[in-house]
Amino acid sequence: MHTLEPAAGGDLVRLPLPTTLEGFASCDEYDLESVVPWTGPAIDPETGGLRGPLPERYVVATSGGWPRPGVEEIATALNAVLLEQLWRCEGLLAATFAISARCWNSSRALSLWTDEESLEVFLDSPKHQEAVRRTRHLAYAWEGGRWYRTDRHTLPGWDEVRAELAARRRDRPVSTDPVRTIAADPAATTQTEEP
């Protein structure tokens, strides 16, 4: 799978598939599009902005991945299960999700939490653990991180997220081998197998 990029003269050129996490992460996501705008208890649904000041100190958590072609149905089913659980979590302040088609359909999640314990309850939940297990081979690469933030009046942006992830990133090779998908049912016990 390659990403098409306009070149001088208007021709489209293919961006080669990276072989390292840094190669995926360094792609300029100038087309990053929100697929789920900021939502949650801290967000005013009418304006999409903050209802009021955030706590004096809160946790920012993010994850991002570059899915392999042909896994959309499985990923969508798993994400629906996770989102249903996420919106009911104690301690969640807000979350948003975005995709960059240009950068091999990079998928990004960003959430704010009152504390680490609330985030850990979500991350350690059986549904989240099962989704992690079943999606392990659905993406070329994944990365994530968390940090504390004290800005009470603005939401973090994707530039901040990319900078924080870059500061924490340890580059590693990624496998670009294809993965055969077996089932799209999120209740199935086996999602993928390597050829």
Protein backbone atom coordinates (compact mmCIF):
# COMPACT_ATOMS: atom_id res chain seq x y z
CA MET A 1 0.00 0.00 0.00
CA HIS A 2 1.30 3.41 -0.95
CA THR A 3 -0.02 6.87 -0.31
CA LEU A 4 -0.46 9.16 -3.31
CA GLU A 5 1.10 12.60 -3.08
CA PRO A 6 0.81 15.48 -5.59
CA ALA A 7 4.16 16.33 -7.17
CA ALA A 8 5.34 19.34 -9.13
CA GLY A 9 3.32 19.61 -12.32
CA GLY A 10 0.24 18.01 -10.72
CA ASP A 11 1.30 14.40 -11.23
CA LEU A 12 0.63 11.99 -8.38
CA VAL A 13 3.57 10.11 -6.90
CA ARG A 14 3.41 7.28 -4.42
CA LEU A 15 4.93 7.66 -0.99
CA PRO A 16 6.70 4.37 -0.27
CA LEU A 17 5.55 2.29 2.68
CA PRO A 18 7.92 2.99 5.61
CA THR A 19 9.81 0.19 7.28
CA THR A 20 10.20 1.88 10.68
CA LEU A 21 7.91 3.52 13.23
CA GLU A 22 9.77 6.81 12.71
CA GLY A 23 9.10 6.53 8.97
CA PHE A 24 5.35 6.33 9.60
CA ALA A 25 5.35 8.95 12.37
CA SER A 26 7.35 11.52 10.37
CA CYS A 27 4.69 11.76 7.65
CA ASP A 28 3.17 15.27 7.48
CA GLU A 29 -0.49 14.77 8.45
CA TYR A 30 -1.61 18.09 7.00
CA ASP A 31 -4.89 16.42 5.99
CA LEU A 32 -5.65 15.12 9.51
CA GLU A 33 -9.44 15.15 9.76
CA SER A 34 -11.55 14.82 12.88
CA VAL A 35 -13.84 11.80 12.65
CA VAL A 36 -15.14 12.25 16.21
CA PRO A 37 -14.93 15.85 17.45
CA TRP A 38 -14.12 16.62 21.07
CA THR A 39 -16.82 14.90 23.13
CA GLY A 40 -17.26 14.19 26.84
CA PRO A 41 -18.28 15.73 30.15
CA ALA A 42 -15.85 18.68 29.81
CA ILE A 43 -17.14 19.62 26.34
CA ASP A 44 -20.08 21.88 25.56
CA PRO A 45 -21.98 19.95 22.87
CA GLU A 46 -23.36 23.16 21.37
CA THR A 47 -19.99 24.86 20.81
CA GLY A 48 -17.54 21.93 20.81
CA GLY A 49 -15.42 23.94 23.25
CA LEU A 50 -14.79 23.57 26.95
CA ARG A 51 -17.75 23.93 29.32
CA GLY A 52 -15.44 25.60 31.82
CA PRO A 53 -11.88 25.32 33.10
CA LEU A 54 -10.28 21.88 33.18
CA PRO A 55 -8.85 20.54 36.46
CA GLU A 56 -5.60 22.09 37.68
CA ARG A 57 -3.76 18.94 36.61
CA TYR A 58 -5.05 16.21 34.31
CA VAL A 59 -3.78 13.34 32.18
CA VAL A 60 -3.53 13.49 28.41
CA ALA A 61 -3.48 10.06 26.75
CA THR A 62 -2.98 9.37 23.07
CA SER A 63 -2.52 6.49 20.70
CA GLY A 64 -1.98 6.35 16.99
CA GLY A 65 -1.59 3.65 14.42
CA TRP A 66 -1.21 2.95 10.75
CA PRO A 67 -3.71 0.23 9.74
CA ARG A 68 -2.99 -2.33 7.07
CA PRO A 69 -5.27 -2.35 4.03
CA GLY A 70 -8.45 -4.40 4.27
CA VAL A 71 -8.93 -4.27 8.05
CA GLU A 72 -11.53 -1.50 8.11
CA GLU A 73 -14.50 -3.75 8.95
CA ILE A 74 -12.73 -5.40 11.88
CA ALA A 75 -11.29 -2.12 13.17
CA THR A 76 -14.68 -0.39 12.95
CA ALA A 77 -16.41 -3.17 14.89
CA LEU A 78 -13.74 -3.16 17.62
CA ASN A 79 -13.74 0.65 17.84
CA ALA A 80 -17.52 0.71 18.28
CA VAL A 81 -17.22 -1.61 21.30
CA LEU A 82 -14.41 0.49 22.80
CA LEU A 83 -16.15 3.82 22.23
CA GLU A 84 -19.31 2.55 23.92
CA GLN A 85 -17.22 1.71 26.98
CA LEU A 86 -15.08 4.86 26.81
CA TRP A 87 -18.02 7.28 26.98
CA ARG A 88 -19.20 5.61 30.23
CA CYS A 89 -15.82 5.72 32.02
CA GLU A 90 -15.52 7.58 35.30
CA GLY A 91 -12.78 10.15 35.07
CA LEU A 92 -12.99 10.75 31.31
CA LEU A 93 -13.05 14.47 30.61
CA ALA A 94 -13.03 14.48 26.81
CA ALA A 95 -11.86 12.58 23.74
CA THR A 96 -11.43 13.10 20.02
CA PHE A 97 -10.38 10.92 17.09
CA ALA A 98 -8.83 11.78 13.71
CA ILE A 99 -7.53 10.14 10.53
CA SER A 100 -4.96 11.21 7.93
CA ALA A 101 -5.61 9.54 4.56
CA ARG A 102 -2.33 10.93 3.23
CA CYS A 103 -0.26 9.16 5.88
CA TRP A 104 -1.37 5.59 5.26
CA ASN A 105 -4.71 6.25 7.02
CA SER A 106 -3.02 7.08 10.30
CA SER A 107 -5.63 6.87 13.05
CA ARG A 108 -5.22 9.01 16.14
CA ALA A 109 -7.02 9.04 19.49
CA LEU A 110 -6.65 11.76 22.11
CA SER A 111 -8.32 11.76 25.53
CA LEU A 112 -8.21 13.75 28.76
CA TRP A 113 -8.62 12.12 32.17
CA THR A 114 -8.99 13.41 35.70
CA ASP A 115 -6.26 11.05 36.90
CA GLU A 116 -4.05 8.07 36.00
CA GLU A 117 -6.23 5.65 37.96
CA SER A 118 -9.30 6.41 35.83
CA LEU A 119 -7.29 5.96 32.64
CA GLU A 120 -5.85 2.67 33.95
CA VAL A 121 -9.34 1.33 34.71
CA PHE A 122 -10.22 1.84 31.03
CA LEU A 123 -6.90 0.47 29.71
CA ASP A 124 -7.06 -2.59 31.97
CA SER A 125 -10.71 -3.36 31.23
CA PRO A 126 -11.40 -6.74 29.60
CA LYS A 127 -12.88 -5.09 26.49
CA HIS A 128 -9.84 -2.87 25.96
CA GLN A 129 -7.40 -5.71 26.61
CA GLU A 130 -9.27 -7.95 24.15
CA ALA A 131 -9.26 -5.20 21.52
CA VAL A 132 -5.52 -4.68 21.96
CA ARG A 133 -4.91 -8.42 21.64
CA ARG A 134 -7.06 -8.73 18.54
CA THR A 135 -5.76 -5.63 16.77
CA ARG A 136 -2.08 -6.32 17.39
CA HIS A 137 -1.52 -7.38 13.78
CA LEU A 138 -4.07 -5.11 12.11
CA ALA A 139 -1.66 -2.19 11.93
CA TYR A 140 1.83 -1.75 10.58
CA ALA A 141 2.75 0.19 13.71
CA TRP A 142 1.19 1.71 16.85
CA GLU A 143 2.45 4.22 19.36
CA GLY A 144 1.02 5.89 22.40
CA GLY A 145 1.85 8.00 25.38
CA ARG A 146 0.53 9.97 28.30
CA TRP A 147 1.56 13.06 30.18
CA TYR A 148 0.20 15.58 32.65
CA ARG A 149 -1.06 18.95 31.52
CA THR A 150 -1.96 22.04 33.53
CA ASP A 151 -3.45 24.36 30.89
CA ARG A 152 -7.02 24.69 32.14
CA HIS A 153 -8.41 26.79 29.31
CA THR A 154 -7.39 25.12 26.04
CA LEU A 155 -7.61 21.62 24.65
CA PRO A 156 -4.41 19.98 23.43
CA GLY A 157 -3.92 19.92 19.68
CA TRP A 158 -2.41 17.37 17.33
CA ASP A 159 0.86 19.33 17.02
CA GLU A 160 1.32 19.02 20.79
CA VAL A 161 0.52 15.31 20.59
CA ARG A 162 3.04 14.69 17.80
CA ALA A 163 5.73 16.63 19.71
CA GLU A 164 5.09 14.66 22.91
CA LEU A 165 5.16 11.35 21.05
CA ALA A 166 8.35 12.30 19.18
CA ALA A 167 10.06 13.09 22.50
CA ARG A 168 9.18 9.62 23.80
CA ARG A 169 9.52 7.56 20.61
CA ARG A 170 12.00 4.76 20.29
CA ASP A 171 12.30 3.90 16.63
CA ARG A 172 11.84 0.29 15.66
CA PRO A 173 11.40 -1.69 12.48
CA VAL A 174 7.86 -2.61 11.45
CA SER A 175 6.62 -5.56 9.45
CA THR A 176 4.94 -4.73 6.18
CA ASP A 177 3.97 -8.35 5.54
CA PRO A 178 0.27 -8.76 4.72
CA VAL A 179 -2.08 -10.15 7.34
CA ARG A 180 -5.05 -12.34 6.48
CA THR A 181 -8.20 -11.34 8.26
CA ILE A 182 -10.38 -14.14 9.58
CA ALA A 183 -13.44 -12.57 11.18
CA ALA A 184 -15.05 -9.19 11.60
CA ASP A 185 -17.22 -10.20 14.55
CA PRO A 186 -15.87 -8.44 17.66
CA ALA A 187 -17.13 -11.40 19.71
CA ALA A 188 -14.91 -13.82 17.76
CA THR A 189 -11.88 -15.11 19.60
CA THR A 190 -9.43 -14.96 16.69
CA GLN A 191 -9.22 -11.92 14.44
CA THR A 192 -6.06 -12.34 12.44
CA GLU A 193 -3.39 -14.77 11.68
CA GLU A 194 -0.06 -14.13 10.07
CA PRO A 195 0.54 -15.91 6.76
